[in-house]
Amino acid sequence: MRKYLRPKLLVIDEVGYCPFGREEANLFFQLVSTRYEHGSIILTSNKSFAEWGELLTN
């Protein structure tokens, strides 16, 4: 996880290209919440924000 915390800017491309399973969604949440207030994140996706619930499961 440290290598994802080091850069001042983390670019995550094509969120939603493949749906996340429960474990992947949990790891993604951990990454975003850990980087909070430590560095910026840019996310790109071909899905609208309303469709993200389907991608990340509950």
PDB file of N, CA and C in Angstrom:
ATOM      1  N   MET A   1       0.825  -1.190   0.000  1.00  0.00           N
ATOM      2  CA  MET A   1       0.000   0.000   0.000  1.00  0.00           C
ATOM      3  C   MET A   1       0.874   1.261   0.000  1.00  0.00           C
ATOM      4  N   ARG A   2       2.076   1.166   0.557  1.00  0.00           N
ATOM      5  CA  ARG A   2       2.933   2.354   0.660  1.00  0.00           C
ATOM      6  C   ARG A   2       3.235   2.997  -0.683  1.00  0.00           C
ATOM      7  N   LYS A   3       3.433   2.165  -1.709  1.00  0.00           N
ATOM      8  CA  LYS A   3       3.778   2.743  -3.012  1.00  0.00           C
ATOM      9  C   LYS A   3       2.636   3.573  -3.594  1.00  0.00           C
ATOM     10  N   TYR A   4       1.405   3.332  -3.147  1.00  0.00           N
ATOM     11  CA  TYR A   4       0.265   4.117  -3.614  1.00  0.00           C
ATOM     12  C   TYR A   4       0.051   5.363  -2.772  1.00  0.00           C
ATOM     13  N   LEU A   5       0.716   5.458  -1.629  1.00  0.00           N
ATOM     14  CA  LEU A   5       0.603   6.621  -0.762  1.00  0.00           C
ATOM     15  C   LEU A   5       1.682   7.664  -1.042  1.00  0.00           C
ATOM     16  N   ARG A   6       2.779   7.254  -1.631  1.00  0.00           N
ATOM     17  CA  ARG A   6       3.909   8.159  -1.867  1.00  0.00           C
ATOM     18  C   ARG A   6       3.632   9.292  -2.842  1.00  0.00           C
ATOM     19  N   PRO A   7       3.075   9.019  -4.020  1.00  0.00           N
ATOM     20  CA  PRO A   7       2.946  10.117  -4.990  1.00  0.00           C
ATOM     21  C   PRO A   7       1.972  11.192  -4.503  1.00  0.00           C
ATOM     22  N   LYS A   8       2.248  12.425  -4.910  1.00  0.00           N
ATOM     23  CA  LYS A   8       1.335  13.521  -4.565  1.00  0.00           C
ATOM     24  C   LYS A   8       0.026  13.394  -5.335  1.00  0.00           C
ATOM     25  N   LEU A   9       0.093  12.772  -6.518  1.00  0.00           N
ATOM     26  CA  LEU A   9      -1.091  12.570  -7.348  1.00  0.00           C
ATOM     27  C   LEU A   9      -1.127  11.123  -7.812  1.00  0.00           C
ATOM     28  N   LEU A  10      -2.245  10.449  -7.562  1.00  0.00           N
ATOM     29  CA  LEU A  10      -2.460   9.076  -8.016  1.00  0.00           C
ATOM     30  C   LEU A  10      -3.572   9.100  -9.056  1.00  0.00           C
ATOM     31  N   VAL A  11      -3.277   8.604 -10.244  1.00  0.00           N
ATOM     32  CA  VAL A  11      -4.272   8.555 -11.321  1.00  0.00           C
ATOM     33  C   VAL A  11      -4.750   7.113 -11.446  1.00  0.00           C
ATOM     34  N   ILE A  12      -6.053   6.931 -11.331  1.00  0.00           N
ATOM     35  CA  ILE A  12      -6.669   5.615 -11.483  1.00  0.00           C
ATOM     36  C   ILE A  12      -7.563   5.697 -12.715  1.00  0.00           C
ATOM     37  N   ASP A  13      -7.187   4.979 -13.749  1.00  0.00           N
ATOM     38  CA  ASP A  13      -7.846   5.079 -15.046  1.00  0.00           C
ATOM     39  C   ASP A  13      -8.844   3.945 -15.249  1.00  0.00           C
ATOM     40  N   GLU A  14      -9.963   4.273 -15.863  1.00  0.00           N
ATOM     41  CA  GLU A  14     -10.986   3.303 -16.273  1.00  0.00           C
ATOM     42  C   GLU A  14     -11.620   2.539 -15.115  1.00  0.00           C
ATOM     43  N   VAL A  15     -12.003   3.248 -14.070  1.00  0.00           N
ATOM     44  CA  VAL A  15     -12.784   2.618 -13.005  1.00  0.00           C
ATOM     45  C   VAL A  15     -14.112   2.198 -13.623  1.00  0.00           C
ATOM     46  N   GLY A  16     -14.461   0.960 -13.482  1.00  0.00           N
ATOM     47  CA  GLY A  16     -15.705   0.468 -14.055  1.00  0.00           C
ATOM     48  C   GLY A  16     -15.517  -0.344 -15.315  1.00  0.00           C
ATOM     49  N   TYR A  17     -14.299  -0.404 -15.807  1.00  0.00           N
ATOM     50  CA  TYR A  17     -14.059  -1.239 -16.993  1.00  0.00           C
ATOM     51  C   TYR A  17     -14.459  -2.675 -16.683  1.00  0.00           C
ATOM     52  N   CYS A  18     -14.063  -3.146 -15.526  1.00  0.00           N
ATOM     53  CA  CYS A  18     -14.489  -4.446 -15.019  1.00  0.00           C
ATOM     54  C   CYS A  18     -15.101  -4.222 -13.642  1.00  0.00           C
ATOM     55  N   PRO A  19     -16.220  -4.837 -13.350  1.00  0.00           N
ATOM     56  CA  PRO A  19     -16.830  -4.640 -12.031  1.00  0.00           C
ATOM     57  C   PRO A  19     -15.961  -5.209 -10.917  1.00  0.00           C
ATOM     58  N   PHE A  20     -16.002  -4.565  -9.758  1.00  0.00           N
ATOM     59  CA  PHE A  20     -15.247  -5.022  -8.596  1.00  0.00           C
ATOM     60  C   PHE A  20     -16.045  -6.071  -7.856  1.00  0.00           C
ATOM     61  N   GLY A  21     -15.370  -7.081  -7.378  1.00  0.00           N
ATOM     62  CA  GLY A  21     -15.977  -8.013  -6.444  1.00  0.00           C
ATOM     63  C   GLY A  21     -15.956  -7.389  -5.050  1.00  0.00           C
ATOM     64  N   ARG A  22     -16.462  -8.089  -4.099  1.00  0.00           N
ATOM     65  CA  ARG A  22     -16.519  -7.564  -2.732  1.00  0.00           C
ATOM     66  C   ARG A  22     -15.125  -7.230  -2.190  1.00  0.00           C
ATOM     67  N   GLU A  23     -14.164  -8.132  -2.390  1.00  0.00           N
ATOM     68  CA  GLU A  23     -12.808  -7.909  -1.890  1.00  0.00           C
ATOM     69  C   GLU A  23     -12.133  -6.737  -2.607  1.00  0.00           C
ATOM     70  N   GLU A  24     -12.291  -6.663  -3.929  1.00  0.00           N
ATOM     71  CA  GLU A  24     -11.693  -5.571  -4.688  1.00  0.00           C
ATOM     72  C   GLU A  24     -12.286  -4.226  -4.291  1.00  0.00           C
ATOM     73  N   ALA A  25     -13.597  -4.187  -4.099  1.00  0.00           N
ATOM     74  CA  ALA A  25     -14.255  -2.947  -3.678  1.00  0.00           C
ATOM     75  C   ALA A  25     -13.748  -2.519  -2.299  1.00  0.00           C
ATOM     76  N   ASN A  26     -13.560  -3.472  -1.407  1.00  0.00           N
ATOM     77  CA  ASN A  26     -13.046  -3.167  -0.076  1.00  0.00           C
ATOM     78  C   ASN A  26     -11.623  -2.606  -0.166  1.00  0.00           C
ATOM     79  N   LEU A  27     -10.768  -3.214  -0.982  1.00  0.00           N
ATOM     80  CA  LEU A  27      -9.399  -2.724  -1.146  1.00  0.00           C
ATOM     81  C   LEU A  27      -9.378  -1.329  -1.774  1.00  0.00           C
ATOM     82  N   PHE A  28     -10.261  -1.099  -2.734  1.00  0.00           N
ATOM     83  CA  PHE A  28     -10.352   0.219  -3.368  1.00  0.00           C
ATOM     84  C   PHE A  28     -10.771   1.268  -2.338  1.00  0.00           C
ATOM     85  N   PHE A  29     -11.740   0.942  -1.519  1.00  0.00           N
ATOM     86  CA  PHE A  29     -12.178   1.855  -0.463  1.00  0.00           C
ATOM     87  C   PHE A  29     -11.034   2.142   0.507  1.00  0.00           C
ATOM     88  N   GLN A  30     -10.284   1.112   0.879  1.00  0.00           N
ATOM     89  CA  GLN A  30      -9.153   1.304   1.792  1.00  0.00           C
ATOM     90  C   GLN A  30      -8.109   2.233   1.186  1.00  0.00           C
ATOM     91  N   LEU A  31      -7.848   2.066  -0.103  1.00  0.00           N
ATOM     92  CA  LEU A  31      -6.885   2.925  -0.786  1.00  0.00           C
ATOM     93  C   LEU A  31      -7.340   4.380  -0.749  1.00  0.00           C
ATOM     94  N   VAL A  32      -8.584   4.617  -1.131  1.00  0.00           N
ATOM     95  CA  VAL A  32      -9.098   5.985  -1.174  1.00  0.00           C
ATOM     96  C   VAL A  32      -9.132   6.589   0.225  1.00  0.00           C
ATOM     97  N   SER A  33      -9.607   5.852   1.203  1.00  0.00           N
ATOM     98  CA  SER A  33      -9.698   6.401   2.552  1.00  0.00           C
ATOM     99  C   SER A  33      -8.315   6.606   3.176  1.00  0.00           C
ATOM    100  N   THR A  34      -7.338   5.768   2.845  1.00  0.00           N
ATOM    101  CA  THR A  34      -5.987   5.931   3.377  1.00  0.00           C
ATOM    102  C   THR A  34      -5.296   7.143   2.763  1.00  0.00           C
ATOM    103  N   ARG A  35      -5.549   7.387   1.484  1.00  0.00           N
ATOM    104  CA  ARG A  35      -4.934   8.542   0.811  1.00  0.00           C
ATOM    105  C   ARG A  35      -5.601   9.851   1.188  1.00  0.00           C
ATOM    106  N   TYR A  36      -6.751   9.808   1.787  1.00  0.00           N
ATOM    107  CA  TYR A  36      -7.483  11.012   2.161  1.00  0.00           C
ATOM    108  C   TYR A  36      -6.583  11.928   2.989  1.00  0.00           C
ATOM    109  N   GLU A  37      -6.472  13.151   2.575  1.00  0.00           N
ATOM    110  CA  GLU A  37      -5.641  14.184   3.202  1.00  0.00           C
ATOM    111  C   GLU A  37      -4.140  13.942   3.067  1.00  0.00           C
ATOM    112  N   HIS A  38      -3.729  12.948   2.278  1.00  0.00           N
ATOM    113  CA  HIS A  38      -2.303  12.699   2.063  1.00  0.00           C
ATOM    114  C   HIS A  38      -1.891  13.004   0.633  1.00  0.00           C
ATOM    115  N   GLY A  39      -2.799  12.945  -0.291  1.00  0.00           N
ATOM    116  CA  GLY A  39      -2.497  13.194  -1.691  1.00  0.00           C
ATOM    117  C   GLY A  39      -3.767  13.185  -2.511  1.00  0.00           C
ATOM    118  N   SER A  40      -3.658  13.698  -3.709  1.00  0.00           N
ATOM    119  CA  SER A  40      -4.814  13.798  -4.604  1.00  0.00           C
ATOM    120  C   SER A  40      -4.992  12.521  -5.421  1.00  0.00           C
ATOM    121  N   ILE A  41      -6.233  12.284  -5.823  1.00  0.00           N
ATOM    122  CA  ILE A  41      -6.568  11.146  -6.684  1.00  0.00           C
ATOM    123  C   ILE A  41      -7.383  11.671  -7.855  1.00  0.00           C
ATOM    124  N   ILE A  42      -7.037  11.235  -9.036  1.00  0.00           N
ATOM    125  CA  ILE A  42      -7.858  11.476 -10.227  1.00  0.00           C
ATOM    126  C   ILE A  42      -8.394  10.132 -10.677  1.00  0.00           C
ATOM    127  N   LEU A  43      -9.719  10.034 -10.816  1.00  0.00           N
ATOM    128  CA  LEU A  43     -10.368   8.819 -11.295  1.00  0.00           C
ATOM    129  C   LEU A  43     -10.985   9.099 -12.652  1.00  0.00           C
ATOM    130  N   THR A  44     -10.809   8.184 -13.576  1.00  0.00           N
ATOM    131  CA  THR A  44     -11.529   8.277 -14.836  1.00  0.00           C
ATOM    132  C   THR A  44     -12.418   7.046 -14.955  1.00  0.00           C
ATOM    133  N   SER A  45     -13.563   7.230 -15.582  1.00  0.00           N
ATOM    134  CA  SER A  45     -14.503   6.132 -15.750  1.00  0.00           C
ATOM    135  C   SER A  45     -15.399   6.406 -16.941  1.00  0.00           C
ATOM    136  N   ASN A  46     -15.867   5.349 -17.543  1.00  0.00           N
ATOM    137  CA  ASN A  46     -16.847   5.490 -18.615  1.00  0.00           C
ATOM    138  C   ASN A  46     -18.271   5.337 -18.068  1.00  0.00           C
ATOM    139  N   LYS A  47     -18.404   5.201 -16.758  1.00  0.00           N
ATOM    140  CA  LYS A  47     -19.699   5.051 -16.097  1.00  0.00           C
ATOM    141  C   LYS A  47     -20.077   6.348 -15.409  1.00  0.00           C
ATOM    142  N   SER A  48     -21.358   6.636 -15.351  1.00  0.00           N
ATOM    143  CA  SER A  48     -21.807   7.811 -14.605  1.00  0.00           C
ATOM    144  C   SER A  48     -21.718   7.518 -13.111  1.00  0.00           C
ATOM    145  N   PHE A  49     -21.669   8.563 -12.310  1.00  0.00           N
ATOM    146  CA  PHE A  49     -21.560   8.380 -10.863  1.00  0.00           C
ATOM    147  C   PHE A  49     -22.737   7.565 -10.328  1.00  0.00           C
ATOM    148  N   ALA A  50     -23.911   7.713 -10.922  1.00  0.00           N
ATOM    149  CA  ALA A  50     -25.096   6.959 -10.485  1.00  0.00           C
ATOM    150  C   ALA A  50     -24.914   5.451 -10.671  1.00  0.00           C
ATOM    151  N   GLU A  51     -24.066   5.043 -11.597  1.00  0.00           N
ATOM    152  CA  GLU A  51     -23.837   3.621 -11.878  1.00  0.00           C
ATOM    153  C   GLU A  51     -22.747   3.002 -10.998  1.00  0.00           C
ATOM    154  N   TRP A  52     -22.067   3.782 -10.185  1.00  0.00           N
ATOM    155  CA  TRP A  52     -20.959   3.271  -9.394  1.00  0.00           C
ATOM    156  C   TRP A  52     -21.419   2.255  -8.352  1.00  0.00           C
ATOM    157  N   GLY A  53     -22.623   2.345  -7.872  1.00  0.00           N
ATOM    158  CA  GLY A  53     -23.135   1.355  -6.918  1.00  0.00           C
ATOM    159  C   GLY A  53     -23.106  -0.042  -7.486  1.00  0.00           C
ATOM    160  N   GLU A  54     -23.368  -0.175  -8.757  1.00  0.00           N
ATOM    161  CA  GLU A  54     -23.325  -1.476  -9.423  1.00  0.00           C
ATOM    162  C   GLU A  54     -21.886  -1.985  -9.531  1.00  0.00           C
ATOM    163  N   LEU A  55     -20.944  -1.074  -9.717  1.00  0.00           N
ATOM    164  CA  LEU A  55     -19.541  -1.463  -9.884  1.00  0.00           C
ATOM    165  C   LEU A  55     -18.892  -1.890  -8.580  1.00  0.00           C
ATOM    166  N   LEU A  56     -19.217  -1.192  -7.512  1.00  0.00           N
ATOM    167  CA  LEU A  56     -18.526  -1.407  -6.244  1.00  0.00           C
ATOM    168  C   LEU A  56     -19.276  -2.331  -5.306  1.00  0.00           C
ATOM    169  N   THR A  57     -20.381  -2.826  -5.699  1.00  0.00           N
ATOM    170  CA  THR A  57     -21.279  -3.636  -4.880  1.00  0.00           C
ATOM    171  C   THR A  57     -21.670  -2.857  -3.629  1.00  0.00           C
ATOM    172  N   ASN A  58     -22.285  -3.491  -2.693  1.00  0.00           N
ATOM    173  CA  ASN A  58     -22.689  -2.765  -1.482  1.00  0.00           C
ATOM    174  C   ASN A  58     -21.597  -2.904  -0.467  1.00  0.00           C
TER     175      ASN A  58
END
